Amino acid sequence: VITLTARFLQVFPSSDMTRTVVNITS
């Protein structure tokens, strides 16, 4: 989860676009 999130934010680094990360928890 941590490493995929890091990769996701590296692929989409610009704050010019909206970026959303959702964690399914309990």
PDB file of all heavy atoms in Angstrom:
ATOM      1  N   VAL A   1       0.828  -1.206   0.000  1.00  0.00           N
ATOM      2  CA  VAL A   1       0.000   0.000   0.000  1.00  0.00           C
ATOM      3  C   VAL A   1       0.868   1.264   0.000  1.00  0.00           C
ATOM      4  O   VAL A   1       0.614   2.212  -0.762  1.00  0.00           O
ATOM      5  CB  VAL A   1      -0.936  -0.023   1.228  1.00  0.00           C
ATOM      6  CG1 VAL A   1      -1.658   1.315   1.377  1.00  0.00           C
ATOM      7  CG2 VAL A   1      -1.941  -1.160   1.100  1.00  0.00           C
ATOM      8  N   ILE A   2       1.894   1.270   0.821  1.00  0.00           N
ATOM      9  CA  ILE A   2       2.782   2.437   0.889  1.00  0.00           C
ATOM     10  C   ILE A   2       3.535   2.619  -0.424  1.00  0.00           C
ATOM     11  O   ILE A   2       3.599   3.729  -0.977  1.00  0.00           O
ATOM     12  CB  ILE A   2       3.770   2.296   2.061  1.00  0.00           C
ATOM     13  CG1 ILE A   2       3.029   2.272   3.397  1.00  0.00           C
ATOM     14  CG2 ILE A   2       4.785   3.447   2.051  1.00  0.00           C
ATOM     15  CD1 ILE A   2       3.910   1.971   4.598  1.00  0.00           C
ATOM     16  N   THR A   3       4.093   1.537  -0.941  1.00  0.00           N
ATOM     17  CA  THR A   3       4.912   1.654  -2.153  1.00  0.00           C
ATOM     18  C   THR A   3       4.065   1.977  -3.384  1.00  0.00           C
ATOM     19  O   THR A   3       4.501   2.737  -4.251  1.00  0.00           O
ATOM     20  CB  THR A   3       5.726   0.368  -2.392  1.00  0.00           C
ATOM     21  OG1 THR A   3       4.854  -0.773  -2.365  1.00  0.00           O
ATOM     22  CG2 THR A   3       6.782   0.194  -1.316  1.00  0.00           C
ATOM     23  N   LEU A   4       2.855   1.422  -3.474  1.00  0.00           N
ATOM     24  CA  LEU A   4       1.986   1.759  -4.608  1.00  0.00           C
ATOM     25  C   LEU A   4       1.538   3.212  -4.527  1.00  0.00           C
ATOM     26  O   LEU A   4       1.473   3.912  -5.539  1.00  0.00           O
ATOM     27  CB  LEU A   4       0.774   0.826  -4.642  1.00  0.00           C
ATOM     28  CG  LEU A   4      -0.261   1.124  -5.735  1.00  0.00           C
ATOM     29  CD1 LEU A   4       0.384   1.196  -7.117  1.00  0.00           C
ATOM     30  CD2 LEU A   4      -1.377   0.071  -5.714  1.00  0.00           C
ATOM     31  N   THR A   5       1.253   3.687  -3.327  1.00  0.00           N
ATOM     32  CA  THR A   5       0.885   5.097  -3.172  1.00  0.00           C
ATOM     33  C   THR A   5       2.030   6.007  -3.610  1.00  0.00           C
ATOM     34  O   THR A   5       1.810   7.006  -4.317  1.00  0.00           O
ATOM     35  CB  THR A   5       0.522   5.396  -1.705  1.00  0.00           C
ATOM     36  OG1 THR A   5      -0.592   4.592  -1.323  1.00  0.00           O
ATOM     37  CG2 THR A   5       0.162   6.864  -1.518  1.00  0.00           C
ATOM     38  N   ALA A   6       3.243   5.662  -3.204  1.00  0.00           N
ATOM     39  CA  ALA A   6       4.407   6.462  -3.598  1.00  0.00           C
ATOM     40  C   ALA A   6       4.551   6.485  -5.114  1.00  0.00           C
ATOM     41  O   ALA A   6       4.787   7.547  -5.721  1.00  0.00           O
ATOM     42  CB  ALA A   6       5.669   5.898  -2.950  1.00  0.00           C
ATOM     43  N   ARG A   7       4.412   5.322  -5.743  1.00  0.00           N
ATOM     44  CA  ARG A   7       4.544   5.257  -7.199  1.00  0.00           C
ATOM     45  C   ARG A   7       3.446   6.064  -7.887  1.00  0.00           C
ATOM     46  O   ARG A   7       3.690   6.784  -8.858  1.00  0.00           O
ATOM     47  CB  ARG A   7       4.504   3.796  -7.659  1.00  0.00           C
ATOM     48  CG  ARG A   7       4.715   3.613  -9.157  1.00  0.00           C
ATOM     49  CD  ARG A   7       6.075   4.177  -9.620  1.00  0.00           C
ATOM     50  NE  ARG A   7       6.298   3.948 -11.027  1.00  0.00           N
ATOM     51  CZ  ARG A   7       6.915   2.861 -11.519  1.00  0.00           C
ATOM     52  NH1 ARG A   7       7.361   1.926 -10.690  1.00  0.00           N
ATOM     53  NH2 ARG A   7       7.081   2.719 -12.810  1.00  0.00           N
ATOM     54  N   PHE A   8       2.228   5.956  -7.389  1.00  0.00           N
ATOM     55  CA  PHE A   8       1.087   6.695  -7.922  1.00  0.00           C
ATOM     56  C   PHE A   8       1.348   8.198  -7.906  1.00  0.00           C
ATOM     57  O   PHE A   8       1.126   8.908  -8.901  1.00  0.00           O
ATOM     58  CB  PHE A   8      -0.147   6.350  -7.089  1.00  0.00           C
ATOM     59  CG  PHE A   8      -1.378   7.172  -7.376  1.00  0.00           C
ATOM     60  CD1 PHE A   8      -2.167   6.911  -8.473  1.00  0.00           C
ATOM     61  CD2 PHE A   8      -1.766   8.181  -6.501  1.00  0.00           C
ATOM     62  CE1 PHE A   8      -3.315   7.649  -8.728  1.00  0.00           C
ATOM     63  CE2 PHE A   8      -2.901   8.927  -6.728  1.00  0.00           C
ATOM     64  CZ  PHE A   8      -3.678   8.656  -7.847  1.00  0.00           C
ATOM     65  N   LEU A   9       1.845   8.706  -6.781  1.00  0.00           N
ATOM     66  CA  LEU A   9       2.097  10.141  -6.660  1.00  0.00           C
ATOM     67  C   LEU A   9       3.308  10.582  -7.477  1.00  0.00           C
ATOM     68  O   LEU A   9       3.407  11.754  -7.868  1.00  0.00           O
ATOM     69  CB  LEU A   9       2.283  10.505  -5.184  1.00  0.00           C
ATOM     70  CG  LEU A   9       1.040  10.308  -4.310  1.00  0.00           C
ATOM     71  CD1 LEU A   9       1.359  10.581  -2.854  1.00  0.00           C
ATOM     72  CD2 LEU A   9      -0.110  11.191  -4.791  1.00  0.00           C
ATOM     73  N   GLN A  10       4.218   9.658  -7.755  1.00  0.00           N
ATOM     74  CA  GLN A  10       5.341   9.972  -8.634  1.00  0.00           C
ATOM     75  C   GLN A  10       4.901  10.024 -10.094  1.00  0.00           C
ATOM     76  O   GLN A  10       5.388  10.848 -10.868  1.00  0.00           O
ATOM     77  CB  GLN A  10       6.446   8.933  -8.451  1.00  0.00           C
ATOM     78  CG  GLN A  10       7.158   9.026  -7.109  1.00  0.00           C
ATOM     79  CD  GLN A  10       7.968   7.789  -6.788  1.00  0.00           C
ATOM     80  OE1 GLN A  10       8.118   6.890  -7.611  1.00  0.00           O
ATOM     81  NE2 GLN A  10       8.476   7.715  -5.562  1.00  0.00           N
ATOM     82  N   VAL A  11       3.972   9.150 -10.469  1.00  0.00           N
ATOM     83  CA  VAL A  11       3.437   9.153 -11.832  1.00  0.00           C
ATOM     84  C   VAL A  11       2.611  10.406 -12.079  1.00  0.00           C
ATOM     85  O   VAL A  11       2.602  10.966 -13.172  1.00  0.00           O
ATOM     86  CB  VAL A  11       2.591   7.885 -12.084  1.00  0.00           C
ATOM     87  CG1 VAL A  11       1.855   7.969 -13.421  1.00  0.00           C
ATOM     88  CG2 VAL A  11       3.473   6.645 -12.060  1.00  0.00           C
ATOM     89  N   PHE A  12       1.914  10.856 -11.040  1.00  0.00           N
ATOM     90  CA  PHE A  12       1.088  12.070 -11.134  1.00  0.00           C
ATOM     91  C   PHE A  12       1.605  13.094 -10.122  1.00  0.00           C
ATOM     92  O   PHE A  12       1.000  13.312  -9.070  1.00  0.00           O
ATOM     93  CB  PHE A  12      -0.376  11.736 -10.853  1.00  0.00           C
ATOM     94  CG  PHE A  12      -0.965  10.730 -11.796  1.00  0.00           C
ATOM     95  CD1 PHE A  12      -1.124   9.411 -11.409  1.00  0.00           C
ATOM     96  CD2 PHE A  12      -1.338  11.102 -13.085  1.00  0.00           C
ATOM     97  CE1 PHE A  12      -1.664   8.480 -12.267  1.00  0.00           C
ATOM     98  CE2 PHE A  12      -1.875  10.176 -13.959  1.00  0.00           C
ATOM     99  CZ  PHE A  12      -2.035   8.854 -13.565  1.00  0.00           C
ATOM    100  N   PRO A  13       2.741  13.741 -10.436  1.00  0.00           N
ATOM    101  CA  PRO A  13       3.391  14.616  -9.452  1.00  0.00           C
ATOM    102  C   PRO A  13       2.829  16.026  -9.378  1.00  0.00           C
ATOM    103  O   PRO A  13       3.098  16.749  -8.433  1.00  0.00           O
ATOM    104  CB  PRO A  13       4.839  14.655  -9.943  1.00  0.00           C
ATOM    105  CG  PRO A  13       4.713  14.529 -11.437  1.00  0.00           C
ATOM    106  CD  PRO A  13       3.553  13.599 -11.658  1.00  0.00           C
ATOM    107  N   SER A  14       2.052  16.413 -10.362  1.00  0.00           N
ATOM    108  CA  SER A  14       1.647  17.810 -10.457  1.00  0.00           C
ATOM    109  C   SER A  14       0.433  18.113  -9.599  1.00  0.00           C
ATOM    110  O   SER A  14      -0.564  17.381  -9.612  1.00  0.00           O
ATOM    111  CB  SER A  14       1.331  18.170 -11.915  1.00  0.00           C
ATOM    112  OG  SER A  14       0.840  19.482 -11.998  1.00  0.00           O
ATOM    113  N   SER A  15       0.508  19.202  -8.867  1.00  0.00           N
ATOM    114  CA  SER A  15      -0.646  19.650  -8.090  1.00  0.00           C
ATOM    115  C   SER A  15      -1.656  20.371  -8.976  1.00  0.00           C
ATOM    116  O   SER A  15      -2.702  20.813  -8.501  1.00  0.00           O
ATOM    117  CB  SER A  15      -0.190  20.576  -6.955  1.00  0.00           C
ATOM    118  OG  SER A  15       0.505  21.695  -7.471  1.00  0.00           O
ATOM    119  N   ASP A  16      -1.352  20.486 -10.276  1.00  0.00           N
ATOM    120  CA  ASP A  16      -2.284  21.114 -11.206  1.00  0.00           C
ATOM    121  C   ASP A  16      -3.498  20.222 -11.457  1.00  0.00           C
ATOM    122  O   ASP A  16      -4.526  20.690 -11.930  1.00  0.00           O
ATOM    123  CB  ASP A  16      -1.596  21.422 -12.537  1.00  0.00           C
ATOM    124  CG  ASP A  16      -0.537  22.500 -12.409  1.00  0.00           C
ATOM    125  OD1 ASP A  16      -0.620  23.279 -11.444  1.00  0.00           O
ATOM    126  OD2 ASP A  16       0.368  22.556 -13.256  1.00  0.00           O
ATOM    127  N   MET A  17      -3.352  18.921 -11.203  1.00  0.00           N
ATOM    128  CA  MET A  17      -4.474  18.005 -11.356  1.00  0.00           C
ATOM    129  C   MET A  17      -4.910  17.522  -9.977  1.00  0.00           C
ATOM    130  O   MET A  17      -4.147  17.571  -9.010  1.00  0.00           O
ATOM    131  CB  MET A  17      -4.081  16.807 -12.229  1.00  0.00           C
ATOM    132  CG  MET A  17      -3.106  15.842 -11.572  1.00  0.00           C
ATOM    133  SD  MET A  17      -2.616  14.459 -12.645  1.00  0.00           S
ATOM    134  CE  MET A  17      -4.199  13.694 -13.002  1.00  0.00           C
ATOM    135  N   THR A  18      -6.147  17.079  -9.872  1.00  0.00           N
ATOM    136  CA  THR A  18      -6.655  16.553  -8.616  1.00  0.00           C
ATOM    137  C   THR A  18      -6.146  15.134  -8.418  1.00  0.00           C
ATOM    138  O   THR A  18      -6.201  14.307  -9.324  1.00  0.00           O
ATOM    139  CB  THR A  18      -8.193  16.546  -8.621  1.00  0.00           C
ATOM    140  OG1 THR A  18      -8.668  17.862  -8.920  1.00  0.00           O
ATOM    141  CG2 THR A  18      -8.726  16.105  -7.263  1.00  0.00           C
ATOM    142  N   ARG A  19      -5.660  14.840  -7.216  1.00  0.00           N
ATOM    143  CA  ARG A  19      -5.188  13.496  -6.878  1.00  0.00           C
ATOM    144  C   ARG A  19      -5.869  13.052  -5.599  1.00  0.00           C
ATOM    145  O   ARG A  19      -5.880  13.781  -4.608  1.00  0.00           O
ATOM    146  CB  ARG A  19      -3.665  13.484  -6.723  1.00  0.00           C
ATOM    147  CG  ARG A  19      -2.916  13.813  -8.020  1.00  0.00           C
ATOM    148  CD  ARG A  19      -1.441  14.020  -7.780  1.00  0.00           C
ATOM    149  NE  ARG A  19      -1.194  15.205  -6.956  1.00  0.00           N
ATOM    150  CZ  ARG A  19      -0.024  15.488  -6.389  1.00  0.00           C
ATOM    151  NH1 ARG A  19       0.998  14.672  -6.531  1.00  0.00           N
ATOM    152  NH2 ARG A  19       0.116  16.586  -5.667  1.00  0.00           N
ATOM    153  N   THR A  20      -6.431  11.852  -5.642  1.00  0.00           N
ATOM    154  CA  THR A  20      -7.177  11.330  -4.506  1.00  0.00           C
ATOM    155  C   THR A  20      -6.687   9.923  -4.188  1.00  0.00           C
ATOM    156  O   THR A  20      -6.553   9.089  -5.086  1.00  0.00           O
ATOM    157  CB  THR A  20      -8.692  11.269  -4.820  1.00  0.00           C
ATOM    158  OG1 THR A  20      -9.139  12.558  -5.250  1.00  0.00           O
ATOM    159  CG2 THR A  20      -9.482  10.823  -3.595  1.00  0.00           C
ATOM    160  N   VAL A  21      -6.445   9.675  -2.909  1.00  0.00           N
ATOM    161  CA  VAL A  21      -6.035   8.349  -2.453  1.00  0.00           C
ATOM    162  C   VAL A  21      -7.029   7.881  -1.387  1.00  0.00           C
ATOM    163  O   VAL A  21      -7.266   8.580  -0.401  1.00  0.00           O
ATOM    164  CB  VAL A  21      -4.610   8.357  -1.871  1.00  0.00           C
ATOM    165  CG1 VAL A  21      -4.223   6.943  -1.403  1.00  0.00           C
ATOM    166  CG2 VAL A  21      -3.601   8.867  -2.890  1.00  0.00           C
ATOM    167  N   VAL A  22      -7.614   6.701  -1.616  1.00  0.00           N
ATOM    168  CA  VAL A  22      -8.601   6.148  -0.685  1.00  0.00           C
ATOM    169  C   VAL A  22      -8.082   4.834  -0.118  1.00  0.00           C
ATOM    170  O   VAL A  22      -7.647   3.945  -0.851  1.00  0.00           O
ATOM    171  CB  VAL A  22      -9.953   5.900  -1.388  1.00  0.00           C
ATOM    172  CG1 VAL A  22     -10.948   5.273  -0.409  1.00  0.00           C
ATOM    173  CG2 VAL A  22     -10.508   7.200  -1.949  1.00  0.00           C
ATOM    174  N   ASN A  23      -8.144   4.717   1.188  1.00  0.00           N
ATOM    175  CA  ASN A  23      -7.748   3.517   1.906  1.00  0.00           C
ATOM    176  C   ASN A  23      -8.996   2.853   2.475  1.00  0.00           C
ATOM    177  O   ASN A  23      -9.724   3.459   3.252  1.00  0.00           O
ATOM    178  CB  ASN A  23      -6.790   3.910   3.048  1.00  0.00           C
ATOM    179  CG  ASN A  23      -6.573   2.803   4.062  1.00  0.00           C
ATOM    180  OD1 ASN A  23      -6.358   1.659   3.697  1.00  0.00           O
ATOM    181  ND2 ASN A  23      -6.625   3.165   5.336  1.00  0.00           N
ATOM    182  N   ILE A  24      -9.269   1.610   2.052  1.00  0.00           N
ATOM    183  CA  ILE A  24     -10.393   0.881   2.638  1.00  0.00           C
ATOM    184  C   ILE A  24      -9.940   0.306   3.970  1.00  0.00           C
ATOM    185  O   ILE A  24      -9.024  -0.509   4.030  1.00  0.00           O
ATOM    186  CB  ILE A  24     -10.897  -0.230   1.698  1.00  0.00           C
ATOM    187  CG1 ILE A  24     -11.346   0.376   0.359  1.00  0.00           C
ATOM    188  CG2 ILE A  24     -12.041  -0.989   2.345  1.00  0.00           C
ATOM    189  CD1 ILE A  24     -12.449   1.419   0.468  1.00  0.00           C
ATOM    190  N   THR A  25     -10.597   0.743   5.027  1.00  0.00           N
ATOM    191  CA  THR A  25     -10.150   0.398   6.375  1.00  0.00           C
ATOM    192  C   THR A  25     -11.257  -0.319   7.142  1.00  0.00           C
ATOM    193  O   THR A  25     -12.212  -0.861   6.565  1.00  0.00           O
ATOM    194  CB  THR A  25      -9.662   1.655   7.118  1.00  0.00           C
ATOM    195  OG1 THR A  25      -9.064   1.266   8.344  1.00  0.00           O
ATOM    196  CG2 THR A  25     -10.790   2.639   7.377  1.00  0.00           C
ATOM    197  N   SER A  26     -11.142  -0.332   8.445  1.00  0.00           N
ATOM    198  CA  SER A  26     -12.088  -1.042   9.308  1.00  0.00           C
ATOM    199  C   SER A  26     -11.984  -0.481  10.720  1.00  0.00           C
ATOM    200  O   SER A  26     -10.935   0.033  11.116  1.00  0.00           O
ATOM    201  CB  SER A  26     -11.762  -2.543   9.316  1.00  0.00           C
ATOM    202  OG  SER A  26     -12.419  -3.213  10.374  1.00  0.00           O
TER     203      SER A  26
END
